[in-house]
Amino acid sequence: MSDATRFEDFARISADWFWETDIEDRFTYFSVPVTRTGIVLEGKLGSRRRDGASQQPDNLERLAALEATIERREPFRDFVFRVGNQAGQMRWCSISGEPRHDHAGAFLGYRGAGRDLTEQLEAQREVELQGLALQAILRATPDGVQLVDKSDTLLAVNDQIYDILEIPNRAAQRDPSSTYQSTLDLARRGEYGPGDAEILARRRSEEFWRMIADQRAVTYERQLVTGRWVECRHRALDDGARLSLYRDITEAKGREAELERQSAVLSAITANMDGGIVVFDKDNRLVAWNPGFADLIGVDPSLARHDTA
């Protein structure tokens, strides 16, 4: 392959069209009449760049800045602006150009290349919108949320997880060390028992990944050394990533403990009362009684059955 052919191939790959302008910045050459995305170039010879551009104020401001660069006879790279295509749609274009001079140094105009960036910018915008939506969801949920890839690098996290676990916020760190550092914070606080914190943190990380790999989905409750109760839910994803959800269940645990305490007190009271106590449900079925009731009716308590009318 000759150098000329190689250069032509590189040029076709890097640009959608080539152009030239004269000393008045009017187009004198286009490499194609219509671009692959429908931007019509034929018929625009002799016109200026802003003639086929979107006339929105922000777009015209961009072009004014470019024209100032051209007036100074300076090269420009990746200048982005909007133009219309043959379907009447607005397209985002990126152009680069360099001034041309003759052998005597006289200015001849500019020569450059252009690319249609619309699909790329729209895809980028879609990713940005999805990112904004994800951040809104992460901020709104009361649960702590953490998504890490198979190398333990943070992909998504919210502030709530650090509040629930009561550890330093490392949301700004998006590398494997941040996940390990959070585990180390917990180890230093004594969450994994006595011993060297770094050894405990490494062991916890290794055991945790093995557990997720084996079971795929794990849910458990644990009480932190701070006294807070947390429900932890972890799920392995198909690409090797892991989604973790942490919920503060301290109040629920408190209510549960209070109900158990009240039940124990009630049981102690009824068991030691002289009279008989019996409870029926709405269908008149026997659901609870104390020993005094069995004594009154002369039935062996061991023969009594729940849910009998």
Protein backbone atom coordinates (compact mmCIF):
# COMPACT_ATOMS: atom_id res chain seq x y z
CA MET A 1 0.00 0.00 0.00
CA SER A 2 1.40 3.41 -1.00
CA ASP A 3 1.66 6.27 1.48
CA ALA A 4 -0.88 8.23 -0.56
CA THR A 5 -3.43 5.40 -0.40
CA ARG A 6 -2.81 4.92 3.30
CA PHE A 7 -3.34 8.63 3.92
CA GLU A 8 -6.59 8.58 1.96
CA ASP A 9 -7.86 5.66 4.04
CA PHE A 10 -6.98 7.41 7.29
CA ALA A 11 -8.68 10.57 6.07
CA ARG A 12 -11.92 8.76 5.17
CA ILE A 13 -12.03 7.10 8.57
CA SER A 14 -11.41 10.30 10.53
CA ALA A 15 -13.81 12.61 8.64
CA ASP A 16 -17.21 12.60 6.89
CA TRP A 17 -16.25 15.34 4.42
CA PHE A 18 -13.48 17.77 3.49
CA TRP A 19 -13.86 21.44 2.63
CA GLU A 20 -11.98 24.53 1.51
CA THR A 21 -12.77 28.23 1.73
CA ASP A 22 -11.38 31.35 0.04
CA ILE A 23 -9.99 34.55 1.54
CA GLU A 24 -13.57 35.74 2.24
CA ASP A 25 -14.36 32.52 4.09
CA ARG A 26 -16.71 31.32 1.34
CA PHE A 27 -16.74 27.64 0.47
CA THR A 28 -14.90 26.70 -2.71
CA TYR A 29 -14.76 22.89 -2.34
CA PHE A 30 -16.59 19.95 -0.74
CA SER A 31 -15.44 16.34 -1.04
CA VAL A 32 -19.04 14.99 -1.20
CA PRO A 33 -22.33 16.51 -2.35
CA VAL A 34 -24.33 15.02 0.53
CA THR A 35 -22.92 13.53 3.76
CA ARG A 36 -23.86 10.04 4.98
CA THR A 37 -26.28 11.65 7.47
CA GLY A 38 -28.04 13.82 4.91
CA ILE A 39 -26.26 17.16 5.29
CA VAL A 40 -26.50 18.74 1.83
CA LEU A 41 -23.25 20.37 0.73
CA GLU A 42 -23.86 20.71 -2.99
CA GLY A 43 -25.21 24.10 -3.90
CA LYS A 44 -23.40 25.74 -0.98
CA LEU A 45 -20.28 26.70 -2.89
CA GLY A 46 -19.85 30.43 -2.56
CA SER A 47 -21.80 30.60 0.72
CA ARG A 48 -20.44 31.18 4.20
CA ARG A 49 -20.58 28.76 7.10
CA ARG A 50 -23.29 30.60 9.00
CA ASP A 51 -25.59 30.60 5.93
CA GLY A 52 -26.48 26.91 6.41
CA ALA A 53 -26.19 26.92 10.19
CA SER A 54 -28.93 27.01 12.80
CA GLN A 55 -29.88 30.61 13.48
CA GLN A 56 -30.40 30.07 17.18
CA PRO A 57 -28.58 32.76 19.21
CA ASP A 58 -26.33 30.32 21.04
CA ASN A 59 -25.26 28.73 17.75
CA LEU A 60 -24.55 32.12 16.18
CA GLU A 61 -22.44 33.03 19.20
CA ARG A 62 -20.35 29.92 18.61
CA LEU A 63 -19.89 30.84 14.95
CA ALA A 64 -18.90 34.39 15.86
CA ALA A 65 -16.12 32.98 18.04
CA LEU A 66 -14.96 30.78 15.14
CA GLU A 67 -15.01 33.73 12.74
CA ALA A 68 -12.82 35.68 15.13
CA THR A 69 -10.33 32.78 15.09
CA ILE A 70 -10.39 32.73 11.30
CA GLU A 71 -9.91 36.50 11.19
CA ARG A 72 -6.70 36.00 13.17
CA ARG A 73 -5.67 33.27 10.67
CA GLU A 74 -5.35 30.68 13.44
CA PRO A 75 -5.98 26.94 13.11
CA PHE A 76 -8.95 25.47 14.98
CA ARG A 77 -9.81 21.96 16.16
CA ASP A 78 -13.11 20.21 16.88
CA PHE A 79 -15.33 23.27 16.67
CA VAL A 80 -18.92 22.12 17.27
CA PHE A 81 -22.05 23.81 15.90
CA ARG A 82 -25.49 22.95 14.45
CA VAL A 83 -26.53 22.78 10.80
CA GLY A 84 -29.63 21.52 8.97
CA ASN A 85 -29.84 18.40 6.79
CA GLN A 86 -32.03 17.70 3.76
CA ALA A 87 -34.84 16.40 6.00
CA GLY A 88 -34.94 19.68 7.88
CA GLN A 89 -33.37 18.18 11.00
CA MET A 90 -30.69 19.89 13.03
CA ARG A 91 -27.36 18.04 13.11
CA TRP A 92 -24.35 18.61 15.34
CA CYS A 93 -21.12 18.95 13.36
CA SER A 94 -17.49 19.14 14.38
CA ILE A 95 -15.01 20.83 12.06
CA SER A 96 -11.28 21.42 12.14
CA GLY A 97 -9.34 23.68 9.79
CA GLU A 98 -5.98 25.26 9.03
CA PRO A 99 -5.16 28.39 7.03
CA ARG A 100 -3.74 27.98 3.50
CA HIS A 101 -0.99 30.14 2.00
CA ASP A 102 0.69 30.27 -1.38
CA HIS A 103 4.43 30.00 -1.93
CA ALA A 104 4.79 33.72 -1.31
CA GLY A 105 2.95 33.49 2.00
CA ALA A 106 -0.26 35.11 0.80
CA PHE A 107 -3.40 33.89 2.59
CA LEU A 108 -5.64 31.73 0.38
CA GLY A 109 -8.35 30.64 2.80
CA TYR A 110 -8.83 27.54 4.94
CA ARG A 111 -8.80 23.81 4.36
CA GLY A 112 -10.34 21.34 6.77
CA ALA A 113 -12.51 18.34 7.61
CA GLY A 114 -15.93 17.82 9.14
CA ARG A 115 -17.74 15.10 11.07
CA ASP A 116 -21.39 14.63 12.04
CA LEU A 117 -21.45 14.13 15.82
CA THR A 118 -25.23 14.01 16.29
CA GLU A 119 -25.52 10.30 17.18
CA GLN A 120 -22.50 10.49 19.45
CA LEU A 121 -23.78 13.58 21.28
CA GLU A 122 -27.30 12.17 21.56
CA ALA A 123 -25.94 8.93 23.01
CA GLN A 124 -23.81 10.94 25.40
CA ARG A 125 -26.84 13.01 26.40
CA GLU A 126 -28.86 9.84 26.98
CA VAL A 127 -26.14 8.51 29.26
CA GLU A 128 -26.09 11.83 31.11
CA LEU A 129 -29.87 11.76 31.55
CA GLN A 130 -29.75 8.19 32.80
CA GLY A 131 -27.01 9.21 35.19
CA LEU A 132 -29.11 12.11 36.47
CA ALA A 133 -32.11 9.81 36.90
CA LEU A 134 -29.98 7.29 38.78
CA GLN A 135 -28.61 9.99 41.07
CA ALA A 136 -32.13 11.24 41.77
CA ILE A 137 -33.24 7.72 42.68
CA LEU A 138 -30.20 7.15 44.86
CA ARG A 139 -30.83 10.42 46.71
CA ALA A 140 -34.53 9.70 47.18
CA THR A 141 -34.33 6.14 48.52
CA PRO A 142 -33.95 5.77 52.29
CA ASP A 143 -31.85 2.64 51.81
CA GLY A 144 -28.11 2.67 51.37
CA VAL A 145 -27.25 1.50 47.85
CA GLN A 146 -23.90 0.32 46.51
CA LEU A 147 -23.08 -1.14 43.09
CA VAL A 148 -19.57 -2.44 42.49
CA ASP A 149 -18.07 -4.26 39.51
CA LYS A 150 -16.19 -7.55 39.66
CA SER A 151 -12.96 -5.72 40.55
CA ASP A 152 -14.73 -4.08 43.54
CA THR A 153 -14.71 -0.65 41.88
CA LEU A 154 -17.64 1.59 42.83
CA LEU A 155 -20.09 2.09 39.97
CA ALA A 156 -22.86 3.76 41.96
CA VAL A 157 -23.37 4.64 45.61
CA ASN A 158 -25.45 7.02 47.69
CA ASP A 159 -24.69 8.94 50.86
CA GLN A 160 -27.24 6.98 52.87
CA ILE A 161 -25.05 3.87 52.98
CA TYR A 162 -22.33 5.78 54.82
CA ASP A 163 -24.88 7.31 57.20
CA ILE A 164 -26.42 3.91 57.98
CA LEU A 165 -23.07 2.18 58.51
CA GLU A 166 -21.70 5.29 60.29
CA ILE A 167 -18.42 5.36 58.38
CA PRO A 168 -16.60 8.11 56.40
CA ASN A 169 -18.22 9.03 53.10
CA ARG A 170 -16.11 7.74 50.21
CA ALA A 171 -18.66 8.30 47.41
CA ALA A 172 -16.21 10.52 45.51
CA GLN A 173 -13.65 7.70 45.28
CA ARG A 174 -14.41 5.42 42.33
CA ASP A 175 -11.70 2.78 42.62
CA PRO A 176 -11.31 -0.61 44.33
CA SER A 177 -9.49 0.95 47.26
CA SER A 178 -12.56 2.91 48.36
CA THR A 179 -14.63 -0.25 48.86
CA TYR A 180 -11.79 -1.87 50.79
CA GLN A 181 -11.27 1.30 52.85
CA SER A 182 -14.93 1.21 53.91
CA THR A 183 -14.51 -2.41 54.96
CA LEU A 184 -11.36 -1.39 56.83
CA ASP A 185 -13.29 1.39 58.61
CA LEU A 186 -15.74 -1.22 59.88
CA ALA A 187 -12.95 -3.58 60.91
CA ARG A 188 -11.21 -0.83 62.89
CA ARG A 189 -14.46 -0.21 64.73
CA GLY A 190 -14.59 -3.86 65.75
CA GLU A 191 -17.41 -5.03 63.47
CA TYR A 192 -15.53 -8.21 62.55
CA GLY A 193 -14.18 -9.06 65.97
CA PRO A 194 -10.81 -8.55 67.67
CA GLY A 195 -7.54 -8.66 65.78
CA ASP A 196 -5.51 -6.78 63.20
CA ALA A 197 -7.96 -4.53 61.28
CA GLU A 198 -6.27 -4.95 57.90
CA ILE A 199 -6.17 -8.74 58.16
CA LEU A 200 -9.82 -8.80 59.25
CA ALA A 201 -10.84 -6.46 56.41
CA ARG A 202 -9.08 -8.53 53.75
CA ARG A 203 -10.52 -11.75 55.14
CA ARG A 204 -14.00 -10.23 55.26
CA SER A 205 -13.75 -9.04 51.64
CA GLU A 206 -12.57 -12.44 50.40
CA GLU A 207 -15.19 -14.38 52.37
CA PHE A 208 -17.91 -11.97 51.31
CA TRP A 209 -17.18 -12.33 47.58
CA ARG A 210 -17.08 -16.13 47.93
CA MET A 211 -20.44 -16.11 49.70
CA ILE A 212 -22.02 -13.96 46.97
CA ALA A 213 -20.51 -16.13 44.23
CA ASP A 214 -21.86 -19.31 45.85
CA GLN A 215 -25.31 -18.13 46.93
CA ARG A 216 -25.93 -15.34 44.36
CA ALA A 217 -28.42 -13.62 46.70
CA VAL A 218 -27.93 -13.14 50.44
CA THR A 219 -30.10 -11.38 53.04
CA TYR A 220 -29.29 -11.08 56.72
CA GLU A 221 -29.65 -8.79 59.72
CA ARG A 222 -26.86 -7.67 62.00
CA GLN A 223 -26.40 -5.28 64.86
CA LEU A 224 -23.47 -2.92 64.58
CA VAL A 225 -21.26 -2.24 67.56
CA THR A 226 -22.84 1.23 67.59
CA GLY A 227 -26.15 -0.42 68.49
CA ARG A 228 -27.82 0.16 65.14
CA TRP A 229 -29.59 -2.74 63.47
CA VAL A 230 -29.12 -3.12 59.70
CA GLU A 231 -30.78 -5.37 57.15
CA CYS A 232 -28.27 -6.26 54.43
CA ARG A 233 -29.28 -7.56 51.01
CA HIS A 234 -26.68 -8.53 48.41
CA ARG A 235 -27.21 -9.84 44.89
CA ALA A 236 -24.70 -11.02 42.30
CA LEU A 237 -25.34 -9.67 38.79
CA ASP A 238 -24.69 -11.48 35.52
CA ASP A 239 -21.61 -9.41 34.60
CA GLY A 240 -19.87 -10.19 37.88
CA ALA A 241 -20.99 -6.99 39.56
CA ARG A 242 -22.68 -6.87 42.98
CA LEU A 243 -25.65 -4.84 44.18
CA SER A 244 -25.92 -4.21 47.91
CA LEU A 245 -28.81 -2.62 49.80
CA TYR A 246 -28.62 -1.57 53.44
CA ARG A 247 -31.68 -0.63 55.48
CA ASP A 248 -31.75 0.82 58.97
CA ILE A 249 -34.18 -1.42 60.92
CA THR A 250 -33.29 -0.14 64.39
CA GLU A 251 -36.78 1.24 65.05
CA ALA A 252 -38.44 -1.93 63.76
CA LYS A 253 -36.21 -4.02 66.01
CA GLY A 254 -37.12 -1.77 68.93
CA ARG A 255 -40.83 -2.23 68.27
CA GLU A 256 -40.31 -5.99 67.93
CA ALA A 257 -38.47 -6.15 71.23
CA GLU A 258 -41.18 -4.08 72.93
CA LEU A 259 -43.90 -6.40 71.63
CA GLU A 260 -41.97 -9.42 72.90
CA ARG A 261 -41.57 -7.73 76.29
CA GLN A 262 -45.26 -6.89 76.51
CA SER A 263 -46.18 -10.43 75.44
CA ALA A 264 -43.93 -11.88 78.13
CA VAL A 265 -45.44 -9.61 80.76
CA LEU A 266 -48.97 -10.50 79.67
CA SER A 267 -48.15 -14.20 79.69
CA ALA A 268 -46.73 -13.93 83.20
CA ILE A 269 -49.82 -12.09 84.45
CA THR A 270 -52.37 -14.45 82.93
CA ALA A 271 -50.46 -17.55 84.00
CA ASN A 272 -50.56 -16.46 87.64
CA MET A 273 -54.17 -15.30 87.82
CA ASP A 274 -56.59 -17.33 89.94
CA GLY A 275 -59.44 -17.02 87.45
CA GLY A 276 -59.66 -18.49 84.00
CA ILE A 277 -58.99 -16.41 80.89
CA VAL A 278 -59.92 -17.46 77.39
CA VAL A 279 -59.69 -15.72 74.00
CA PHE A 280 -61.89 -16.46 70.97
CA ASP A 281 -61.47 -15.03 67.48
CA LYS A 282 -64.23 -13.46 65.37
CA ASP A 283 -65.35 -16.94 64.25
CA ASN A 284 -65.73 -18.01 67.86
CA ARG A 285 -62.67 -20.23 67.69
CA LEU A 286 -60.55 -20.80 70.78
CA VAL A 287 -57.14 -19.22 70.22
CA ALA A 288 -55.65 -18.64 73.72
CA TRP A 289 -56.26 -19.47 77.39
CA ASN A 290 -54.48 -19.69 80.70
CA PRO A 291 -54.11 -22.70 83.03
CA GLY A 292 -56.92 -21.36 85.22
CA PHE A 293 -59.41 -21.80 82.39
CA ALA A 294 -58.49 -25.46 81.95
CA ASP A 295 -58.85 -26.01 85.68
CA LEU A 296 -62.30 -24.41 85.71
CA ILE A 297 -63.67 -26.59 82.92
CA GLY A 298 -61.92 -29.70 84.13
CA VAL A 299 -59.97 -30.33 80.94
CA ASP A 300 -56.37 -31.46 80.90
CA PRO A 301 -54.47 -28.49 79.34
CA SER A 302 -52.52 -30.93 77.16
CA LEU A 303 -55.79 -31.99 75.51
CA ALA A 304 -56.90 -28.45 74.69
CA ARG A 305 -56.50 -27.44 71.04
CA HIS A 306 -56.24 -24.07 69.35
CA ASP A 307 -58.66 -23.14 66.54
CA THR A 308 -61.53 -25.24 67.88
CA ALA A 309 -65.03 -23.89 68.29
